[in-house]
Amino acid sequence: TYPFNKDDWVLVDGNMSWDDNNNYFILTNNTNRDGQLWNKKKIDISRDFVITSKIYFGNNDTGGGEGIAFVLQPTGTNANGSSGDSKGYYGGNISNAVVIDVDTRVTSSNTLDYLYPVTIKNGVRYTNADKRKLLGQIEDGKLHDVTISWNANTKTLTVSADGSKVLDWNIDMISEVFGQNEVYFGFTGSATNYWNVQYVRDINVSGTFEGDGAGNVVFDWQ
């Protein structure tokens, strides 16, 4: 497993900031309405990977929002999106993506927060509310352990939160969405008038990165 190093990550357009005192990337606060954080290396989704992190969704429930997403995308480290329900990944220059969207501002409830599996195909976002998973109340002022793992053989993307499995998502990312093996990955976040300080820290990665075109592994974090 490759340990967290802030220099492995790219901030988009200065929208986000690194907190040197607390060692985390701030995605949103009372003035920043969207943020994007991308790893500098592409990850090979034809092989397994595991990404662990600690995520803070804020402590403001009634007036809080809008949430954080984990995003796989081929656009690059300049990929961006809009604020509000776009969660920082939609409404920008990302035309194809596989997304784990954690929504902390669900219209029907201030208290209950949900996880949505989302795809973007040719610029169109597809969200299936029937597949959403209840997380409970995560705008609770606590860090939450989030693990995202990919089984390339079964084509299953698994999400666990605080030690419990939340989602098994069967999706052929290469054939259904990307048409390629190597994509960028990272975290995005957004807010509106409903906002929270939201941040990500302690991101550890186990996976295979950026082949050289001849099938050789140039960068391997396993």
C-alpha atoms as a PDB file:
ATOM      1  CA  THR A   1       0.000   0.000   0.000  1.00  0.00           C
ATOM      2  CA  TYR A   2       1.283   3.415  -0.958  1.00  0.00           C
ATOM      3  CA  PRO A   3       0.937   5.855   1.975  1.00  0.00           C
ATOM      4  CA  PHE A   4      -0.567   9.291   1.693  1.00  0.00           C
ATOM      5  CA  ASN A   5       1.675  12.038   0.318  1.00  0.00           C
ATOM      6  CA  LYS A   6       0.160  15.403  -0.517  1.00  0.00           C
ATOM      7  CA  ASP A   7       2.596  15.875  -3.405  1.00  0.00           C
ATOM      8  CA  ASP A   8       0.945  12.997  -5.281  1.00  0.00           C
ATOM      9  CA  TRP A   9      -2.223  15.062  -5.647  1.00  0.00           C
ATOM     10  CA  VAL A  10      -3.346  17.987  -7.805  1.00  0.00           C
ATOM     11  CA  LEU A  11      -5.710  20.765  -6.773  1.00  0.00           C
ATOM     12  CA  VAL A  12      -7.874  22.200  -9.556  1.00  0.00           C
ATOM     13  CA  ASP A  13      -7.903  25.957 -10.213  1.00  0.00           C
ATOM     14  CA  GLY A  14      -6.922  26.751  -6.643  1.00  0.00           C
ATOM     15  CA  ASN A  15     -10.461  25.928  -5.566  1.00  0.00           C
ATOM     16  CA  MET A  16      -9.195  23.783  -2.729  1.00  0.00           C
ATOM     17  CA  SER A  17      -6.517  24.186  -0.108  1.00  0.00           C
ATOM     18  CA  TRP A  18      -4.126  22.011   1.865  1.00  0.00           C
ATOM     19  CA  ASP A  19      -4.211  22.478   5.629  1.00  0.00           C
ATOM     20  CA  ASP A  20      -0.608  22.136   6.797  1.00  0.00           C
ATOM     21  CA  ASN A  21      -1.556  22.118  10.452  1.00  0.00           C
ATOM     22  CA  ASN A  22      -4.021  19.236  10.186  1.00  0.00           C
ATOM     23  CA  ASN A  23      -2.749  17.442   7.075  1.00  0.00           C
ATOM     24  CA  TYR A  24      -5.877  17.323   4.951  1.00  0.00           C
ATOM     25  CA  PHE A  25      -7.284  18.657   1.696  1.00  0.00           C
ATOM     26  CA  ILE A  26     -10.260  20.965   2.178  1.00  0.00           C
ATOM     27  CA  LEU A  27     -12.935  20.391  -0.470  1.00  0.00           C
ATOM     28  CA  THR A  28     -15.507  22.966   0.638  1.00  0.00           C
ATOM     29  CA  ASN A  29     -16.080  25.598   3.305  1.00  0.00           C
ATOM     30  CA  ASN A  30     -18.201  28.711   3.767  1.00  0.00           C
ATOM     31  CA  THR A  31     -16.588  30.470   0.777  1.00  0.00           C
ATOM     32  CA  ASN A  32     -15.484  27.604  -1.493  1.00  0.00           C
ATOM     33  CA  ARG A  33     -18.473  25.994  -3.229  1.00  0.00           C
ATOM     34  CA  ASP A  34     -16.714  23.245  -5.180  1.00  0.00           C
ATOM     35  CA  GLY A  35     -13.366  21.496  -5.161  1.00  0.00           C
ATOM     36  CA  GLN A  36     -11.521  18.744  -7.021  1.00  0.00           C
ATOM     37  CA  LEU A  37      -8.583  16.606  -5.958  1.00  0.00           C
ATOM     38  CA  TRP A  38      -6.921  14.260  -8.464  1.00  0.00           C
ATOM     39  CA  ASN A  39      -4.020  11.876  -8.214  1.00  0.00           C
ATOM     40  CA  LYS A  40      -1.227  12.605 -10.682  1.00  0.00           C
ATOM     41  CA  LYS A  41      -1.077   8.979 -11.856  1.00  0.00           C
ATOM     42  CA  LYS A  42      -3.645   7.028 -13.840  1.00  0.00           C
ATOM     43  CA  ILE A  43      -4.830   3.795 -12.260  1.00  0.00           C
ATOM     44  CA  ASP A  44      -5.217   0.579 -14.267  1.00  0.00           C
ATOM     45  CA  ILE A  45      -8.821  -0.601 -13.889  1.00  0.00           C
ATOM     46  CA  SER A  46      -8.088  -3.868 -15.697  1.00  0.00           C
ATOM     47  CA  ARG A  47      -6.480  -4.885 -12.396  1.00  0.00           C
ATOM     48  CA  ASP A  48      -7.661  -4.816  -8.772  1.00  0.00           C
ATOM     49  CA  PHE A  49      -7.246  -1.773  -6.563  1.00  0.00           C
ATOM     50  CA  VAL A  50      -8.093  -0.676  -3.028  1.00  0.00           C
ATOM     51  CA  ILE A  51      -8.283   2.961  -1.913  1.00  0.00           C
ATOM     52  CA  THR A  52      -8.764   3.862   1.739  1.00  0.00           C
ATOM     53  CA  SER A  53      -9.360   7.327   3.152  1.00  0.00           C
ATOM     54  CA  LYS A  54     -10.751   9.312   6.043  1.00  0.00           C
ATOM     55  CA  ILE A  55     -13.480  11.770   5.087  1.00  0.00           C
ATOM     56  CA  TYR A  56     -15.043  14.581   7.093  1.00  0.00           C
ATOM     57  CA  PHE A  57     -18.506  15.633   5.919  1.00  0.00           C
ATOM     58  CA  GLY A  58     -18.939  18.482   8.407  1.00  0.00           C
ATOM     59  CA  ASN A  59     -20.996  19.038  11.537  1.00  0.00           C
ATOM     60  CA  ASN A  60     -23.860  21.138  10.165  1.00  0.00           C
ATOM     61  CA  ASP A  61     -26.896  18.978   9.436  1.00  0.00           C
ATOM     62  CA  THR A  62     -29.895  21.257   8.920  1.00  0.00           C
ATOM     63  CA  GLY A  63     -27.936  23.908   7.023  1.00  0.00           C
ATOM     64  CA  GLY A  64     -25.289  21.551   5.693  1.00  0.00           C
ATOM     65  CA  GLY A  65     -24.381  20.126   2.315  1.00  0.00           C
ATOM     66  CA  GLU A  66     -23.922  19.158  -0.370  1.00  0.00           C
ATOM     67  CA  GLY A  67     -21.565  16.182  -0.140  1.00  0.00           C
ATOM     68  CA  ILE A  68     -18.446  14.499  -1.507  1.00  0.00           C
ATOM     69  CA  ALA A  69     -17.838  12.094  -4.394  1.00  0.00           C
ATOM     70  CA  PHE A  70     -15.158   9.600  -5.367  1.00  0.00           C
ATOM     71  CA  VAL A  71     -14.637   9.866  -9.114  1.00  0.00           C
ATOM     72  CA  LEU A  72     -12.888   7.840 -11.807  1.00  0.00           C
ATOM     73  CA  GLN A  73     -12.486   9.829 -15.049  1.00  0.00           C
ATOM     74  CA  PRO A  74     -10.244   9.985 -18.144  1.00  0.00           C
ATOM     75  CA  THR A  75     -10.266  13.780 -18.600  1.00  0.00           C
ATOM     76  CA  GLY A  76      -7.146  14.486 -16.560  1.00  0.00           C
ATOM     77  CA  THR A  77      -5.930  16.366 -13.521  1.00  0.00           C
ATOM     78  CA  ASN A  78      -7.695  19.495 -14.802  1.00  0.00           C
ATOM     79  CA  ALA A  79     -11.125  17.825 -14.586  1.00  0.00           C
ATOM     80  CA  ASN A  80     -13.759  20.051 -12.996  1.00  0.00           C
ATOM     81  CA  GLY A  81     -17.441  20.405 -12.271  1.00  0.00           C
ATOM     82  CA  SER A  82     -20.033  22.662 -10.708  1.00  0.00           C
ATOM     83  CA  SER A  83     -21.293  23.338  -7.192  1.00  0.00           C
ATOM     84  CA  GLY A  84     -24.595  22.257  -5.668  1.00  0.00           C
ATOM     85  CA  ASP A  85     -25.872  18.792  -6.510  1.00  0.00           C
ATOM     86  CA  SER A  86     -23.177  18.470  -9.193  1.00  0.00           C
ATOM     87  CA  LYS A  87     -20.802  17.659  -6.301  1.00  0.00           C
ATOM     88  CA  GLY A  88     -17.869  19.207  -8.149  1.00  0.00           C
ATOM     89  CA  TYR A  89     -17.734  16.497 -10.836  1.00  0.00           C
ATOM     90  CA  TYR A  90     -20.693  17.261 -13.107  1.00  0.00           C
ATOM     91  CA  GLY A  91     -21.423  20.306 -15.243  1.00  0.00           C
ATOM     92  CA  GLY A  92     -17.790  20.812 -16.219  1.00  0.00           C
ATOM     93  CA  ASN A  93     -15.373  19.103 -18.593  1.00  0.00           C
ATOM     94  CA  ILE A  94     -15.889  15.466 -17.505  1.00  0.00           C
ATOM     95  CA  SER A  95     -17.712  13.600 -20.278  1.00  0.00           C
ATOM     96  CA  ASN A  96     -17.328  10.055 -18.907  1.00  0.00           C
ATOM     97  CA  ALA A  97     -17.031   8.939 -15.294  1.00  0.00           C
ATOM     98  CA  VAL A  98     -17.819   6.332 -12.683  1.00  0.00           C
ATOM     99  CA  VAL A  99     -18.815   8.006  -9.430  1.00  0.00           C
ATOM    100  CA  ILE A 100     -19.582   7.157  -5.820  1.00  0.00           C
ATOM    101  CA  ASP A 101     -21.725  10.158  -4.867  1.00  0.00           C
ATOM    102  CA  VAL A 102     -22.340  10.792  -1.161  1.00  0.00           C
ATOM    103  CA  ASP A 103     -25.266  13.195  -0.879  1.00  0.00           C
ATOM    104  CA  THR A 104     -25.583  15.004   2.448  1.00  0.00           C
ATOM    105  CA  ARG A 105     -28.365  17.289   1.231  1.00  0.00           C
ATOM    106  CA  VAL A 106     -31.146  14.923   0.201  1.00  0.00           C
ATOM    107  CA  THR A 107     -34.265  16.920  -0.663  1.00  0.00           C
ATOM    108  CA  SER A 108     -36.596  14.725   1.366  1.00  0.00           C
ATOM    109  CA  SER A 109     -34.501  14.751   4.532  1.00  0.00           C
ATOM    110  CA  ASN A 110     -32.023  16.931   6.381  1.00  0.00           C
ATOM    111  CA  THR A 111     -31.025  14.064   8.628  1.00  0.00           C
ATOM    112  CA  LEU A 112     -30.514  11.026   6.417  1.00  0.00           C
ATOM    113  CA  ASP A 113     -27.550  10.911   4.032  1.00  0.00           C
ATOM    114  CA  TYR A 114     -27.277   8.588   1.036  1.00  0.00           C
ATOM    115  CA  LEU A 115     -24.715   7.058  -1.295  1.00  0.00           C
ATOM    116  CA  TYR A 116     -25.535   6.913  -5.015  1.00  0.00           C
ATOM    117  CA  PRO A 117     -23.762   4.937  -7.772  1.00  0.00           C
ATOM    118  CA  VAL A 118     -23.520   7.331 -10.724  1.00  0.00           C
ATOM    119  CA  THR A 119     -22.163   7.218 -14.261  1.00  0.00           C
ATOM    120  CA  ILE A 120     -21.517   9.956 -16.781  1.00  0.00           C
ATOM    121  CA  LYS A 121     -21.643   8.830 -20.401  1.00  0.00           C
ATOM    122  CA  ASN A 122     -21.031  11.269 -23.239  1.00  0.00           C
ATOM    123  CA  GLY A 123     -21.714  14.174 -20.912  1.00  0.00           C
ATOM    124  CA  VAL A 124     -24.996  12.821 -19.517  1.00  0.00           C
ATOM    125  CA  ARG A 125     -25.262  11.897 -15.830  1.00  0.00           C
ATOM    126  CA  TYR A 126     -27.196   8.776 -14.893  1.00  0.00           C
ATOM    127  CA  THR A 127     -28.302   8.439 -11.268  1.00  0.00           C
ATOM    128  CA  ASN A 128     -30.530   5.555 -10.205  1.00  0.00           C
ATOM    129  CA  ALA A 129     -32.307   6.423  -6.961  1.00  0.00           C
ATOM    130  CA  ASP A 130     -33.423   2.795  -6.633  1.00  0.00           C
ATOM    131  CA  LYS A 131     -29.793   1.783  -6.087  1.00  0.00           C
ATOM    132  CA  ARG A 132     -28.987   4.378  -3.452  1.00  0.00           C
ATOM    133  CA  LYS A 133     -27.783   3.202  -0.044  1.00  0.00           C
ATOM    134  CA  LEU A 134     -28.654   4.770   3.292  1.00  0.00           C
ATOM    135  CA  LEU A 135     -25.656   5.978   5.293  1.00  0.00           C
ATOM    136  CA  GLY A 136     -27.541   7.518   8.203  1.00  0.00           C
ATOM    137  CA  GLN A 137     -26.319  10.831   9.584  1.00  0.00           C
ATOM    138  CA  ILE A 138     -22.719  11.485   8.559  1.00  0.00           C
ATOM    139  CA  GLU A 139     -22.634  15.281   9.061  1.00  0.00           C
ATOM    140  CA  ASP A 140     -21.753  14.445  12.639  1.00  0.00           C
ATOM    141  CA  GLY A 141     -18.406  16.176  13.168  1.00  0.00           C
ATOM    142  CA  LYS A 142     -16.503  12.882  12.918  1.00  0.00           C
ATOM    143  CA  LEU A 143     -14.006  11.396  10.493  1.00  0.00           C
ATOM    144  CA  HIS A 144     -15.407   8.446   8.561  1.00  0.00           C
ATOM    145  CA  ASP A 145     -13.274   5.589   7.237  1.00  0.00           C
ATOM    146  CA  VAL A 146     -14.165   5.016   3.594  1.00  0.00           C
ATOM    147  CA  THR A 147     -12.756   2.131   1.530  1.00  0.00           C
ATOM    148  CA  ILE A 148     -13.335   1.723  -2.198  1.00  0.00           C
ATOM    149  CA  SER A 149     -12.170  -1.523  -3.757  1.00  0.00           C
ATOM    150  CA  TRP A 150     -12.338  -2.864  -7.293  1.00  0.00           C
ATOM    151  CA  ASN A 151     -12.398  -6.539  -8.274  1.00  0.00           C
ATOM    152  CA  ALA A 152     -11.435  -6.589 -11.949  1.00  0.00           C
ATOM    153  CA  ASN A 153     -12.374 -10.262 -12.365  1.00  0.00           C
ATOM    154  CA  THR A 154     -15.957  -9.925 -11.105  1.00  0.00           C
ATOM    155  CA  LYS A 155     -16.182  -6.274 -12.240  1.00  0.00           C
ATOM    156  CA  THR A 156     -17.440  -5.216  -8.828  1.00  0.00           C
ATOM    157  CA  LEU A 157     -16.854  -1.858  -7.152  1.00  0.00           C
ATOM    158  CA  THR A 158     -17.311  -2.190  -3.391  1.00  0.00           C
ATOM    159  CA  VAL A 159     -17.729   0.645  -0.904  1.00  0.00           C
ATOM    160  CA  SER A 160     -17.342   0.258   2.854  1.00  0.00           C
ATOM    161  CA  ALA A 161     -17.878   2.940   5.473  1.00  0.00           C
ATOM    162  CA  ASP A 162     -16.666   2.699   9.064  1.00  0.00           C
ATOM    163  CA  GLY A 163     -15.978  -1.004   8.669  1.00  0.00           C
ATOM    164  CA  SER A 164     -19.323  -2.005   7.153  1.00  0.00           C
ATOM    165  CA  LYS A 165     -19.991  -2.817   3.517  1.00  0.00           C
ATOM    166  CA  VAL A 166     -22.395  -0.325   1.986  1.00  0.00           C
ATOM    167  CA  LEU A 167     -22.426  -1.125  -1.723  1.00  0.00           C
ATOM    168  CA  ASP A 168     -21.476  -3.836  -4.207  1.00  0.00           C
ATOM    169  CA  TRP A 169     -21.812  -2.303  -7.665  1.00  0.00           C
ATOM    170  CA  ASN A 170     -21.422  -4.600 -10.650  1.00  0.00           C
ATOM    171  CA  ILE A 171     -20.256  -2.523 -13.618  1.00  0.00           C
ATOM    172  CA  ASP A 172     -17.962  -3.172 -16.568  1.00  0.00           C
ATOM    173  CA  MET A 173     -16.191   0.164 -16.367  1.00  0.00           C
ATOM    174  CA  ILE A 174     -14.003  -0.393 -19.422  1.00  0.00           C
ATOM    175  CA  SER A 175     -16.658  -1.512 -21.906  1.00  0.00           C
ATOM    176  CA  GLU A 176     -19.630   0.417 -20.509  1.00  0.00           C
ATOM    177  CA  VAL A 177     -18.023   3.774 -19.752  1.00  0.00           C
ATOM    178  CA  PHE A 178     -14.353   4.390 -20.530  1.00  0.00           C
ATOM    179  CA  GLY A 179     -13.208   2.246 -23.443  1.00  0.00           C
ATOM    180  CA  GLN A 180      -9.708   2.250 -21.924  1.00  0.00           C
ATOM    181  CA  ASN A 181      -7.832   0.672 -19.022  1.00  0.00           C
ATOM    182  CA  GLU A 182      -6.204   3.671 -17.383  1.00  0.00           C
ATOM    183  CA  VAL A 183      -8.114   6.559 -15.804  1.00  0.00           C
ATOM    184  CA  TYR A 184      -7.561   9.281 -13.245  1.00  0.00           C
ATOM    185  CA  PHE A 185      -9.146   9.134  -9.802  1.00  0.00           C
ATOM    186  CA  GLY A 186      -9.822  11.431  -6.909  1.00  0.00           C
ATOM    187  CA  PHE A 187     -12.349  13.231  -4.760  1.00  0.00           C
ATOM    188  CA  THR A 188     -14.664  16.148  -5.437  1.00  0.00           C
ATOM    189  CA  GLY A 189     -17.048  18.110  -3.252  1.00  0.00           C
ATOM    190  CA  SER A 190     -19.608  20.874  -3.380  1.00  0.00           C
ATOM    191  CA  ALA A 191     -21.775  23.216  -1.373  1.00  0.00           C
ATOM    192  CA  THR A 192     -24.404  25.895  -1.938  1.00  0.00           C
ATOM    193  CA  ASN A 193     -25.986  28.149   0.649  1.00  0.00           C
ATOM    194  CA  TYR A 194     -26.088  24.840   2.496  1.00  0.00           C
ATOM    195  CA  TRP A 195     -22.444  24.212   3.301  1.00  0.00           C
ATOM    196  CA  ASN A 196     -20.016  22.367   5.494  1.00  0.00           C
ATOM    197  CA  VAL A 197     -16.287  22.260   5.926  1.00  0.00           C
ATOM    198  CA  GLN A 198     -15.597  19.000   4.077  1.00  0.00           C
ATOM    199  CA  TYR A 199     -12.177  17.409   3.770  1.00  0.00           C
ATOM    200  CA  VAL A 200     -10.264  14.242   2.887  1.00  0.00           C
ATOM    201  CA  ARG A 201      -7.131  12.876   4.521  1.00  0.00           C
ATOM    202  CA  ASP A 202      -4.963   9.740   4.896  1.00  0.00           C
ATOM    203  CA  ILE A 203      -5.575   8.436   1.371  1.00  0.00           C
ATOM    204  CA  ASN A 204      -3.768   5.118   0.863  1.00  0.00           C
ATOM    205  CA  VAL A 205      -3.697   3.319  -2.479  1.00  0.00           C
ATOM    206  CA  SER A 206      -2.978  -0.243  -3.531  1.00  0.00           C
ATOM    207  CA  GLY A 207      -3.133  -0.655  -7.308  1.00  0.00           C
ATOM    208  CA  THR A 208      -1.264  -0.715 -10.605  1.00  0.00           C
ATOM    209  CA  PHE A 209      -0.531   2.524 -12.376  1.00  0.00           C
ATOM    210  CA  GLU A 210       0.235   3.710 -15.920  1.00  0.00           C
ATOM    211  CA  GLY A 211       1.512   1.021 -18.247  1.00  0.00           C
ATOM    212  CA  ASP A 212       3.995   2.180 -20.863  1.00  0.00           C
ATOM    213  CA  GLY A 213       1.985   0.922 -23.839  1.00  0.00           C
ATOM    214  CA  ALA A 214       3.953  -2.320 -24.108  1.00  0.00           C
ATOM    215  CA  GLY A 215       2.185  -3.981 -21.233  1.00  0.00           C
ATOM    216  CA  ASN A 216       4.889  -3.221 -18.703  1.00  0.00           C
ATOM    217  CA  VAL A 217       4.024  -1.687 -15.358  1.00  0.00           C
ATOM    218  CA  VAL A 218       5.787   1.627 -14.908  1.00  0.00           C
ATOM    219  CA  PHE A 219       4.379   2.501 -11.522  1.00  0.00           C
ATOM    220  CA  ASP A 220       3.079  -0.168  -9.164  1.00  0.00           C
ATOM    221  CA  TRP A 221       1.721   0.698  -5.723  1.00  0.00           C
ATOM    222  CA  GLN A 222       0.967  -2.847  -4.603  1.00  0.00           C
END
